[in-house]
Amino acid sequence: MSLVKPNILAEALGITTDALRKRRHRVTKSSNLSTDAYDYIVTGSGRVMYQLDSVPQSVRGTVEKITTKRTKQKHEDLDRKSTRLNSSHAP
């Protein structure tokens, strides 16, 4: 079971963390469960962590894209890809 911080999940869903919190409260108060309800855990310090397993597969892929660290590229490789840098370098 892996846990996701609310700001990462909110970014993946394209909403704010406040909207995510309001969804959580709305589902908790209503008697019927919504399809937008994601399982979460409240830590000892009172912070909420969402369970990645309860999130739809499409959102999981977006979360993984956000959380994976991109590999560093050499400066020469960046020079070749960037048109701004290519135009500033004299031959």
PDB file of N, CA and C in Angstrom:
ATOM      1  N   MET A   1       0.855  -1.176   0.000  1.00  0.00           N
ATOM      2  CA  MET A   1       0.000   0.000   0.000  1.00  0.00           C
ATOM      3  C   MET A   1       0.895   1.231   0.000  1.00  0.00           C
ATOM      4  N   SER A   2       0.769   2.047  -1.032  1.00  0.00           N
ATOM      5  CA  SER A   2       1.564   3.264  -1.016  1.00  0.00           C
ATOM      6  C   SER A   2       0.644   4.461  -0.808  1.00  0.00           C
ATOM      7  N   LEU A   3       1.190   5.441  -0.134  1.00  0.00           N
ATOM      8  CA  LEU A   3       0.420   6.618   0.240  1.00  0.00           C
ATOM      9  C   LEU A   3       0.851   7.821  -0.581  1.00  0.00           C
ATOM     10  N   VAL A   4      -0.098   8.729  -0.839  1.00  0.00           N
ATOM     11  CA  VAL A   4       0.151   9.908  -1.649  1.00  0.00           C
ATOM     12  C   VAL A   4      -0.279  11.142  -0.869  1.00  0.00           C
ATOM     13  N   LYS A   5       0.535  12.174  -0.930  1.00  0.00           N
ATOM     14  CA  LYS A   5       0.189  13.429  -0.274  1.00  0.00           C
ATOM     15  C   LYS A   5      -0.966  14.097  -1.025  1.00  0.00           C
ATOM     16  N   PRO A   6      -1.788  14.864  -0.318  1.00  0.00           N
ATOM     17  CA  PRO A   6      -2.941  15.506  -0.961  1.00  0.00           C
ATOM     18  C   PRO A   6      -2.565  16.450  -2.105  1.00  0.00           C
ATOM     19  N   ASN A   7      -1.446  17.168  -1.991  1.00  0.00           N
ATOM     20  CA  ASN A   7      -1.094  18.099  -3.064  1.00  0.00           C
ATOM     21  C   ASN A   7      -0.736  17.369  -4.356  1.00  0.00           C
ATOM     22  N   ILE A   8      -0.157  16.190  -4.258  1.00  0.00           N
ATOM     23  CA  ILE A   8       0.174  15.400  -5.447  1.00  0.00           C
ATOM     24  C   ILE A   8      -1.102  14.869  -6.095  1.00  0.00           C
ATOM     25  N   LEU A   9      -2.012  14.350  -5.280  1.00  0.00           N
ATOM     26  CA  LEU A   9      -3.274  13.829  -5.806  1.00  0.00           C
ATOM     27  C   LEU A   9      -4.109  14.952  -6.426  1.00  0.00           C
ATOM     28  N   ALA A  10      -4.133  16.100  -5.768  1.00  0.00           N
ATOM     29  CA  ALA A  10      -4.898  17.233  -6.300  1.00  0.00           C
ATOM     30  C   ALA A  10      -4.334  17.683  -7.642  1.00  0.00           C
ATOM     31  N   GLU A  11      -3.013  17.720  -7.764  1.00  0.00           N
ATOM     32  CA  GLU A  11      -2.393  18.104  -9.032  1.00  0.00           C
ATOM     33  C   GLU A  11      -2.729  17.095 -10.127  1.00  0.00           C
ATOM     34  N   ALA A  12      -2.723  15.817  -9.780  1.00  0.00           N
ATOM     35  CA  ALA A  12      -3.050  14.770 -10.752  1.00  0.00           C
ATOM     36  C   ALA A  12      -4.506  14.859 -11.200  1.00  0.00           C
ATOM     37  N   LEU A  13      -5.391  15.249 -10.281  1.00  0.00           N
ATOM     38  CA  LEU A  13      -6.816  15.377 -10.618  1.00  0.00           C
ATOM     39  C   LEU A  13      -7.135  16.705 -11.288  1.00  0.00           C
ATOM     40  N   GLY A  14      -6.216  17.664 -11.189  1.00  0.00           N
ATOM     41  CA  GLY A  14      -6.450  18.976 -11.786  1.00  0.00           C
ATOM     42  C   GLY A  14      -7.348  19.858 -10.934  1.00  0.00           C
ATOM     43  N   ILE A  15      -7.319  19.643  -9.620  1.00  0.00           N
ATOM     44  CA  ILE A  15      -8.121  20.451  -8.702  1.00  0.00           C
ATOM     45  C   ILE A  15      -7.208  20.986  -7.598  1.00  0.00           C
ATOM     46  N   THR A  16      -7.745  21.842  -6.761  1.00  0.00           N
ATOM     47  CA  THR A  16      -6.959  22.371  -5.648  1.00  0.00           C
ATOM     48  C   THR A  16      -7.040  21.415  -4.457  1.00  0.00           C
ATOM     49  N   THR A  17      -6.130  21.600  -3.518  1.00  0.00           N
ATOM     50  CA  THR A  17      -6.161  20.772  -2.316  1.00  0.00           C
ATOM     51  C   THR A  17      -7.394  21.083  -1.481  1.00  0.00           C
ATOM     52  N   ASP A  18      -7.863  22.315  -1.548  1.00  0.00           N
ATOM     53  CA  ASP A  18      -9.079  22.676  -0.820  1.00  0.00           C
ATOM     54  C   ASP A  18     -10.295  21.938  -1.392  1.00  0.00           C
ATOM     55  N   ALA A  19     -10.357  21.836  -2.701  1.00  0.00           N
ATOM     56  CA  ALA A  19     -11.458  21.090  -3.331  1.00  0.00           C
ATOM     57  C   ALA A  19     -11.394  19.607  -2.961  1.00  0.00           C
ATOM     58  N   LEU A  20     -10.185  19.073  -2.867  1.00  0.00           N
ATOM     59  CA  LEU A  20     -10.018  17.681  -2.464  1.00  0.00           C
ATOM     60  C   LEU A  20     -10.477  17.473  -1.022  1.00  0.00           C
ATOM     61  N   ARG A  21     -10.158  18.422  -0.158  1.00  0.00           N
ATOM     62  CA  ARG A  21     -10.587  18.355   1.241  1.00  0.00           C
ATOM     63  C   ARG A  21     -12.109  18.439   1.333  1.00  0.00           C
ATOM     64  N   LYS A  22     -12.710  19.327   0.536  1.00  0.00           N
ATOM     65  CA  LYS A  22     -14.170  19.456   0.559  1.00  0.00           C
ATOM     66  C   LYS A  22     -14.842  18.187   0.053  1.00  0.00           C
ATOM     67  N   ARG A  23     -14.255  17.525  -0.941  1.00  0.00           N
ATOM     68  CA  ARG A  23     -14.788  16.244  -1.408  1.00  0.00           C
ATOM     69  C   ARG A  23     -14.772  15.226  -0.281  1.00  0.00           C
ATOM     70  N   ARG A  24     -13.657  15.194   0.467  1.00  0.00           N
ATOM     71  CA  ARG A  24     -13.520  14.235   1.563  1.00  0.00           C
ATOM     72  C   ARG A  24     -14.582  14.481   2.625  1.00  0.00           C
ATOM     73  N   HIS A  25     -14.812  15.753   2.971  1.00  0.00           N
ATOM     74  CA  HIS A  25     -15.815  16.081   3.981  1.00  0.00           C
ATOM     75  C   HIS A  25     -17.231  15.805   3.485  1.00  0.00           C
ATOM     76  N   ARG A  26     -17.471  16.070   2.230  1.00  0.00           N
ATOM     77  CA  ARG A  26     -18.797  15.851   1.658  1.00  0.00           C
ATOM     78  C   ARG A  26     -19.144  14.366   1.661  1.00  0.00           C
ATOM     79  N   VAL A  27     -18.195  13.522   1.312  1.00  0.00           N
ATOM     80  CA  VAL A  27     -18.429  12.078   1.289  1.00  0.00           C
ATOM     81  C   VAL A  27     -18.585  11.547   2.706  1.00  0.00           C
ATOM     82  N   THR A  28     -17.815  12.090   3.647  1.00  0.00           N
ATOM     83  CA  THR A  28     -17.897  11.644   5.036  1.00  0.00           C
ATOM     84  C   THR A  28     -19.257  11.978   5.633  1.00  0.00           C
ATOM     85  N   LYS A  29     -19.801  13.144   5.314  1.00  0.00           N
ATOM     86  CA  LYS A  29     -21.079  13.569   5.887  1.00  0.00           C
ATOM     87  C   LYS A  29     -22.273  12.873   5.244  1.00  0.00           C
ATOM     88  N   SER A  30     -22.162  12.528   3.960  1.00  0.00           N
ATOM     89  CA  SER A  30     -23.307  11.911   3.296  1.00  0.00           C
ATOM     90  C   SER A  30     -23.392  10.432   3.663  1.00  0.00           C
ATOM     91  N   SER A  31     -24.597   9.904   3.612  1.00  0.00           N
ATOM     92  CA  SER A  31     -24.794   8.507   3.990  1.00  0.00           C
ATOM     93  C   SER A  31     -24.405   7.551   2.869  1.00  0.00           C
ATOM     94  N   ASN A  32     -24.548   7.987   1.611  1.00  0.00           N
ATOM     95  CA  ASN A  32     -24.180   7.108   0.500  1.00  0.00           C
ATOM     96  C   ASN A  32     -22.782   7.489   0.001  1.00  0.00           C
ATOM     97  N   LEU A  33     -22.016   6.477  -0.373  1.00  0.00           N
ATOM     98  CA  LEU A  33     -20.657   6.722  -0.838  1.00  0.00           C
ATOM     99  C   LEU A  33     -20.666   7.154  -2.294  1.00  0.00           C
ATOM    100  N   SER A  34     -19.852   8.118  -2.594  1.00  0.00           N
ATOM    101  CA  SER A  34     -19.718   8.623  -3.956  1.00  0.00           C
ATOM    102  C   SER A  34     -18.612   7.857  -4.673  1.00  0.00           C
ATOM    103  N   THR A  35     -18.626   7.909  -5.991  1.00  0.00           N
ATOM    104  CA  THR A  35     -17.552   7.262  -6.745  1.00  0.00           C
ATOM    105  C   THR A  35     -16.258   8.057  -6.629  1.00  0.00           C
ATOM    106  N   ASP A  36     -16.332   9.314  -6.209  1.00  0.00           N
ATOM    107  CA  ASP A  36     -15.147  10.149  -6.064  1.00  0.00           C
ATOM    108  C   ASP A  36     -14.458   9.957  -4.716  1.00  0.00           C
ATOM    109  N   ALA A  37     -14.962   9.045  -3.899  1.00  0.00           N
ATOM    110  CA  ALA A  37     -14.376   8.833  -2.574  1.00  0.00           C
ATOM    111  C   ALA A  37     -13.093   8.033  -2.715  1.00  0.00           C
ATOM    112  N   TYR A  38     -12.006   8.601  -2.212  1.00  0.00           N
ATOM    113  CA  TYR A  38     -10.720   7.913  -2.207  1.00  0.00           C
ATOM    114  C   TYR A  38     -10.388   7.555  -0.769  1.00  0.00           C
ATOM    115  N   ASP A  39      -9.849   6.368  -0.563  1.00  0.00           N
ATOM    116  CA  ASP A  39      -9.478   5.939   0.779  1.00  0.00           C
ATOM    117  C   ASP A  39      -8.317   6.782   1.271  1.00  0.00           C
ATOM    118  N   TYR A  40      -8.379   7.142   2.534  1.00  0.00           N
ATOM    119  CA  TYR A  40      -7.313   7.956   3.103  1.00  0.00           C
ATOM    120  C   TYR A  40      -7.045   7.524   4.532  1.00  0.00           C
ATOM    121  N   ILE A  41      -5.889   7.922   5.029  1.00  0.00           N
ATOM    122  CA  ILE A  41      -5.467   7.625   6.393  1.00  0.00           C
ATOM    123  C   ILE A  41      -5.104   8.951   7.047  1.00  0.00           C
ATOM    124  N   VAL A  42      -5.533   9.129   8.280  1.00  0.00           N
ATOM    125  CA  VAL A  42      -5.142  10.306   9.048  1.00  0.00           C
ATOM    126  C   VAL A  42      -3.986   9.883   9.939  1.00  0.00           C
ATOM    127  N   THR A  43      -2.854  10.555   9.782  1.00  0.00           N
ATOM    128  CA  THR A  43      -1.666  10.206  10.561  1.00  0.00           C
ATOM    129  C   THR A  43      -1.814  10.706  11.996  1.00  0.00           C
ATOM    130  N   GLY A  44      -0.884  10.327  12.838  1.00  0.00           N
ATOM    131  CA  GLY A  44      -0.905  10.746  14.238  1.00  0.00           C
ATOM    132  C   GLY A  44      -0.809  12.250  14.416  1.00  0.00           C
ATOM    133  N   SER A  45      -0.178  12.929  13.451  1.00  0.00           N
ATOM    134  CA  SER A  45      -0.054  14.381  13.536  1.00  0.00           C
ATOM    135  C   SER A  45      -1.258  15.100  12.929  1.00  0.00           C
ATOM    136  N   GLY A  46      -2.245  14.332  12.448  1.00  0.00           N
ATOM    137  CA  GLY A  46      -3.459  14.935  11.906  1.00  0.00           C
ATOM    138  C   GLY A  46      -3.415  15.185  10.415  1.00  0.00           C
ATOM    139  N   ARG A  47      -2.376  14.756   9.751  1.00  0.00           N
ATOM    140  CA  ARG A  47      -2.272  14.938   8.296  1.00  0.00           C
ATOM    141  C   ARG A  47      -2.944  13.782   7.575  1.00  0.00           C
ATOM    142  N   VAL A  48      -3.443  14.079   6.393  1.00  0.00           N
ATOM    143  CA  VAL A  48      -4.142  13.076   5.587  1.00  0.00           C
ATOM    144  C   VAL A  48      -3.216  12.573   4.494  1.00  0.00           C
ATOM    145  N   MET A  49      -3.211  11.264   4.313  1.00  0.00           N
ATOM    146  CA  MET A  49      -2.478  10.633   3.218  1.00  0.00           C
ATOM    147  C   MET A  49      -3.465   9.740   2.479  1.00  0.00           C
ATOM    148  N   TYR A  50      -3.506   9.847   1.159  1.00  0.00           N
ATOM    149  CA  TYR A  50      -4.436   9.058   0.353  1.00  0.00           C
ATOM    150  C   TYR A  50      -3.769   7.760  -0.079  1.00  0.00           C
ATOM    151  N   GLN A  51      -4.567   6.696  -0.121  1.00  0.00           N
ATOM    152  CA  GLN A  51      -4.063   5.395  -0.560  1.00  0.00           C
ATOM    153  C   GLN A  51      -4.100   5.348  -2.081  1.00  0.00           C
ATOM    154  N   LEU A  52      -2.965   5.078  -2.672  1.00  0.00           N
ATOM    155  CA  LEU A  52      -2.848   5.076  -4.126  1.00  0.00           C
ATOM    156  C   LEU A  52      -3.686   3.972  -4.760  1.00  0.00           C
ATOM    157  N   ASP A  53      -3.927   2.897  -4.035  1.00  0.00           N
ATOM    158  CA  ASP A  53      -4.704   1.777  -4.573  1.00  0.00           C
ATOM    159  C   ASP A  53      -6.169   2.138  -4.817  1.00  0.00           C
ATOM    160  N   SER A  54      -6.692   3.138  -4.086  1.00  0.00           N
ATOM    161  CA  SER A  54      -8.101   3.502  -4.225  1.00  0.00           C
ATOM    162  C   SER A  54      -8.344   4.498  -5.351  1.00  0.00           C
ATOM    163  N   VAL A  55      -7.279   4.959  -5.982  1.00  0.00           N
ATOM    164  CA  VAL A  55      -7.373   5.960  -7.054  1.00  0.00           C
ATOM    165  C   VAL A  55      -7.505   5.235  -8.390  1.00  0.00           C
ATOM    166  N   PRO A  56      -8.298   5.764  -9.335  1.00  0.00           N
ATOM    167  CA  PRO A  56      -8.422   5.124 -10.651  1.00  0.00           C
ATOM    168  C   PRO A  56      -7.063   5.007 -11.357  1.00  0.00           C
ATOM    169  N   GLN A  57      -6.952   4.052 -12.251  1.00  0.00           N
ATOM    170  CA  GLN A  57      -5.691   3.763 -12.935  1.00  0.00           C
ATOM    171  C   GLN A  57      -5.168   4.969 -13.711  1.00  0.00           C
ATOM    172  N   SER A  58      -6.047   5.719 -14.354  1.00  0.00           N
ATOM    173  CA  SER A  58      -5.597   6.879 -15.131  1.00  0.00           C
ATOM    174  C   SER A  58      -4.966   7.943 -14.231  1.00  0.00           C
ATOM    175  N   VAL A  59      -5.532   8.133 -13.055  1.00  0.00           N
ATOM    176  CA  VAL A  59      -4.979   9.101 -12.111  1.00  0.00           C
ATOM    177  C   VAL A  59      -3.676   8.567 -11.525  1.00  0.00           C
ATOM    178  N   ARG A  60      -3.606   7.254 -11.307  1.00  0.00           N
ATOM    179  CA  ARG A  60      -2.379   6.642 -10.792  1.00  0.00           C
ATOM    180  C   ARG A  60      -1.204   6.889 -11.723  1.00  0.00           C
ATOM    181  N   GLY A  61      -1.457   6.790 -13.019  1.00  0.00           N
ATOM    182  CA  GLY A  61      -0.401   7.051 -14.005  1.00  0.00           C
ATOM    183  C   GLY A  61       0.078   8.497 -13.929  1.00  0.00           C
ATOM    184  N   THR A  62      -0.849   9.424 -13.748  1.00  0.00           N
ATOM    185  CA  THR A  62      -0.485  10.826 -13.625  1.00  0.00           C
ATOM    186  C   THR A  62       0.298  11.076 -12.343  1.00  0.00           C
ATOM    187  N   VAL A  63      -0.101  10.433 -11.262  1.00  0.00           N
ATOM    188  CA  VAL A  63       0.617  10.570  -9.982  1.00  0.00           C
ATOM    189  C   VAL A  63       2.044  10.068 -10.140  1.00  0.00           C
ATOM    190  N   GLU A  64       2.214   8.955 -10.831  1.00  0.00           N
ATOM    191  CA  GLU A  64       3.553   8.415 -11.029  1.00  0.00           C
ATOM    192  C   GLU A  64       4.408   9.335 -11.877  1.00  0.00           C
ATOM    193  N   LYS A  65       3.808   9.980 -12.882  1.00  0.00           N
ATOM    194  CA  LYS A  65       4.559  10.945 -13.700  1.00  0.00           C
ATOM    195  C   LYS A  65       5.012  12.128 -12.856  1.00  0.00           C
ATOM    196  N   ILE A  66       4.150  12.578 -11.960  1.00  0.00           N
ATOM    197  CA  ILE A  66       4.474  13.729 -11.119  1.00  0.00           C
ATOM    198  C   ILE A  66       5.569  13.380 -10.115  1.00  0.00           C
ATOM    199  N   THR A  67       5.494  12.186  -9.542  1.00  0.00           N
ATOM    200  CA  THR A  67       6.395  11.845  -8.448  1.00  0.00           C
ATOM    201  C   THR A  67       7.724  11.243  -8.894  1.00  0.00           C
ATOM    202  N   THR A  68       7.820  10.753 -10.132  1.00  0.00           N
ATOM    203  CA  THR A  68       9.096  10.178 -10.557  1.00  0.00           C
ATOM    204  C   THR A  68      10.086  11.287 -10.848  1.00  0.00           C
ATOM    205  N   LYS A  69      11.304  11.056 -10.423  1.00  0.00           N
ATOM    206  CA  LYS A  69      12.361  12.047 -10.610  1.00  0.00           C
ATOM    207  C   LYS A  69      12.901  11.919 -12.027  1.00  0.00           C
ATOM    208  N   ARG A  70      12.957  13.027 -12.712  1.00  0.00           N
ATOM    209  CA  ARG A  70      13.486  13.016 -14.069  1.00  0.00           C
ATOM    210  C   ARG A  70      15.006  12.930 -14.011  1.00  0.00           C
ATOM    211  N   THR A  71      15.572  12.217 -14.964  1.00  0.00           N
ATOM    212  CA  THR A  71      17.025  12.095 -14.989  1.00  0.00           C
ATOM    213  C   THR A  71      17.631  13.393 -15.497  1.00  0.00           C
ATOM    214  N   LYS A  72      18.780  13.697 -14.984  1.00  0.00           N
ATOM    215  CA  LYS A  72      19.460  14.921 -15.399  1.00  0.00           C
ATOM    216  C   LYS A  72      20.043  14.716 -16.789  1.00  0.00           C
ATOM    217  N   GLN A  73      20.043  15.805 -17.569  1.00  0.00           N
ATOM    218  CA  GLN A  73      20.609  15.749 -18.910  1.00  0.00           C
ATOM    219  C   GLN A  73      21.868  16.604 -18.955  1.00  0.00           C
ATOM    220  N   LYS A  74      22.759  16.237 -19.828  1.00  0.00           N
ATOM    221  CA  LYS A  74      23.973  17.014 -19.992  1.00  0.00           C
ATOM    222  C   LYS A  74      23.633  18.353 -20.626  1.00  0.00           C
ATOM    223  N   HIS A  75      24.432  19.347 -20.340  1.00  0.00           N
ATOM    224  CA  HIS A  75      24.196  20.693 -20.867  1.00  0.00           C
ATOM    225  C   HIS A  75      24.234  20.706 -22.391  1.00  0.00           C
ATOM    226  N   GLU A  76      25.110  19.897 -22.999  1.00  0.00           N
ATOM    227  CA  GLU A  76      25.219  19.851 -24.460  1.00  0.00           C
ATOM    228  C   GLU A  76      23.923  19.313 -25.079  1.00  0.00           C
ATOM    229  N   ASP A  77      23.311  18.321 -24.427  1.00  0.00           N
ATOM    230  CA  ASP A  77      22.052  17.774 -24.929  1.00  0.00           C
ATOM    231  C   ASP A  77      20.934  18.802 -24.841  1.00  0.00           C
ATOM    232  N   LEU A  78      20.935  19.575 -23.770  1.00  0.00           N
ATOM    233  CA  LEU A  78      19.923  20.619 -23.633  1.00  0.00           C
ATOM    234  C   LEU A  78      20.113  21.691 -24.686  1.00  0.00           C
ATOM    235  N   ASP A  79      21.374  21.995 -25.031  1.00  0.00           N
ATOM    236  CA  ASP A  79      21.671  22.987 -26.067  1.00  0.00           C
ATOM    237  C   ASP A  79      21.083  22.575 -27.409  1.00  0.00           C
ATOM    238  N   ARG A  80      21.184  21.304 -27.729  1.00  0.00           N
ATOM    239  CA  ARG A  80      20.679  20.828 -29.020  1.00  0.00           C
ATOM    240  C   ARG A  80      19.160  20.900 -29.103  1.00  0.00           C
ATOM    241  N   LYS A  81      18.486  20.685 -27.962  1.00  0.00           N
ATOM    242  CA  LYS A  81      17.022  20.647 -27.958  1.00  0.00           C
ATOM    243  C   LYS A  81      16.399  22.034 -27.868  1.00  0.00           C
ATOM    244  N   SER A  82      17.084  22.968 -27.259  1.00  0.00           N
ATOM    245  CA  SER A  82      16.509  24.285 -27.023  1.00  0.00           C
ATOM    246  C   SER A  82      16.774  25.222 -28.195  1.00  0.00           C
ATOM    247  N   THR A  83      15.732  25.748 -28.789  1.00  0.00           N
ATOM    248  CA  THR A  83      15.904  26.698 -29.888  1.00  0.00           C
ATOM    249  C   THR A  83      16.410  28.039 -29.381  1.00  0.00           C
ATOM    250  N   ARG A  84      16.040  28.384 -28.148  1.00  0.00           N
ATOM    251  CA  ARG A  84      16.493  29.634 -27.570  1.00  0.00           C
ATOM    252  C   ARG A  84      18.006  29.616 -27.400  1.00  0.00           C
ATOM    253  N   LEU A  85      18.518  28.511 -26.903  1.00  0.00           N
ATOM    254  CA  LEU A  85      19.962  28.412 -26.728  1.00  0.00           C
ATOM    255  C   LEU A  85      20.692  28.273 -28.066  1.00  0.00           C
ATOM    256  N   ASN A  86      20.085  27.601 -29.033  1.00  0.00           N
ATOM    257  CA  ASN A  86      20.719  27.457 -30.335  1.00  0.00           C
ATOM    258  C   ASN A  86      20.881  28.785 -31.042  1.00  0.00           C
ATOM    259  N   SER A  87      19.907  29.651 -30.912  1.00  0.00           N
ATOM    260  CA  SER A  87      19.985  30.935 -31.612  1.00  0.00           C
ATOM    261  C   SER A  87      20.963  31.888 -30.920  1.00  0.00           C
ATOM    262  N   SER A  88      21.264  31.675 -29.655  1.00  0.00           N
ATOM    263  CA  SER A  88      22.158  32.585 -28.950  1.00  0.00           C
ATOM    264  C   SER A  88      23.627  32.198 -29.121  1.00  0.00           C
ATOM    265  N   HIS A  89      23.899  30.965 -29.516  1.00  0.00           N
ATOM    266  CA  HIS A  89      25.280  30.531 -29.679  1.00  0.00           C
ATOM    267  C   HIS A  89      25.759  30.836 -31.090  1.00  0.00           C
ATOM    268  N   ALA A  90      26.876  31.492 -31.178  1.00  0.00           N
ATOM    269  CA  ALA A  90      27.451  31.809 -32.504  1.00  0.00           C
ATOM    270  C   ALA A  90      28.266  30.615 -32.990  1.00  0.00           C
ATOM    271  N   PRO A  91      28.234  30.317 -34.290  1.00  0.00           N
ATOM    272  CA  PRO A  91      29.000  29.156 -34.820  1.00  0.00           C
ATOM    273  C   PRO A  91      30.479  29.405 -34.823  1.00  0.00           C
TER     274      PRO A  91
END
